[in-house]
């Protein structure tokens, strides 16, 4: 079913709105600088580049970091390798690429996954796919739980946002691999076989990466692997179930290598408040409800759901002609269990529900589950309402749907203005614009640039740096302290090959002069 002019206008509008929202982020990104663990995880790589300007040496420094951390702190080897290659190792000015890397991977993986589901498998119209995808991306970009750790601080984002994105690519690749039908033409056999071999190679590589990443993404991937295998067996798709075994073996082997790393026990020894397995699981169900319904929930989520409905209905109507949508009540129950499981690793390891970077990927998966549940329930309803299923008219072109969407968009604009007026930092784009307009970003950039120049040009072994005075919401994550033995100071000292670094307040430096 081809959608008409109105659906095209809406999808183009959403794409342009997403692009427009990136403009303030593009402008503020030039003031972005590394901090905290950025220095610790990339020190060897940075020093290798400064001394040799050799990419193999830089990669060797990254491998050295992986080995050192795997034995001494944490087993997440694939995340550590990426963290060791943060952009500033090539020069501090390259750190401005961090938002583009994170937003780019989030957007590309989301579009790939949703295109696989809605275009390749279900066969929906392009405008329906674009509408659902860019509503998701706009909401994810603007309402992210911790925007700094999601888009601007490389170390935290590389450990969670990038593995989340790779896991989405993995899911999309697996769906394509399992749903691809054999070609009946003999002439296409060798080409198809080569393509499937390449696809399987990508799937195995993604499985290895996800298995060596953070434990939230790893645990959810394991659950989804097992769930997919069981479902395929239940629906008597033994051949497809067998195709899951090779990538699952790669994933499971690397996940075990990750979990049983010696460094994990070193890190866990510093955690005193650790509930047992059963209590962690029970608390996960509690915190899932608390964060979703009380802490994070507001009017923007309702707008997101309302805006999705016409596109979801169109997709469900198309899917209902081919799929039966059995057991609709099990889908939200399974979704709740899956989302709750994302809280478990942090609770088990630290006794806490998680931090900003952890909440970010839980938030992204929650949005995907909203899309999935709305689609499944709408598909089940369409399957049982023959008049909707057999209707040839696109609901997006109906007058009542047009008025509905225009009303929702107008209400969204009104609510957004109110939220941004009360708290400019509520949305990513308005926070960036606010920092730019009021000069916060420029002052922060000037302070960090002066500090960086001192670190690079001074030949002194012991350095004193003024503490940052300006702390923009998006750009500032952490600063050094006045104590040279503080871990942030020590990491910066290693990175710039100094004996010690101490922070001093601007008042203290003025008095000294």
Foldseek 3Di string as FASTA:
>chain_A
DADDDLLVVLLVVLVVVLVVLCVLLLVLLQLFFAFFCLLQLQQQLLVQCVVPVDPVSSLVSQVVSLVCCLQAAFQLNLLSSVSNPQLCSNPRSRLSCQLVVLLVLLLVLLLLLLCLVQCVPLNFYPSLSSLLSSLLSQCLQWQFQAQQLRGRHRSSNSQFSNLLSLLSVLVSLLSCLLPDDDDPDPVCRVVVVVVSVVSVVSNLVSLLNNLSGDPLSLVLSLVVLVVVLVVCVVVPVVVSSVVSPVSVVSNVVNNCSRVPRNNLVNNLVPADDADDQVVLLVVLLVVLCCCVPPVRDDVVVVLSLLLSQLSLLSSLLSNLVPDQLPDLVVLVVVLSSSLSSSQRVCCRRHVDSDDSSSSRSSVSSVSVSSSVSSNSVSNNVSNVVVVSNPDPDRPCPDPVNSVSNVVSVVVSVVVVVVVCVVPLSSTPSSLSVVCVVVVLSVLSSVQVVVVVCCLQPDPAQEEEHEWDPRARSNRDDDTFAQDFPPSRFVSVCSSSVHNTYGYDHPVVVVVVD
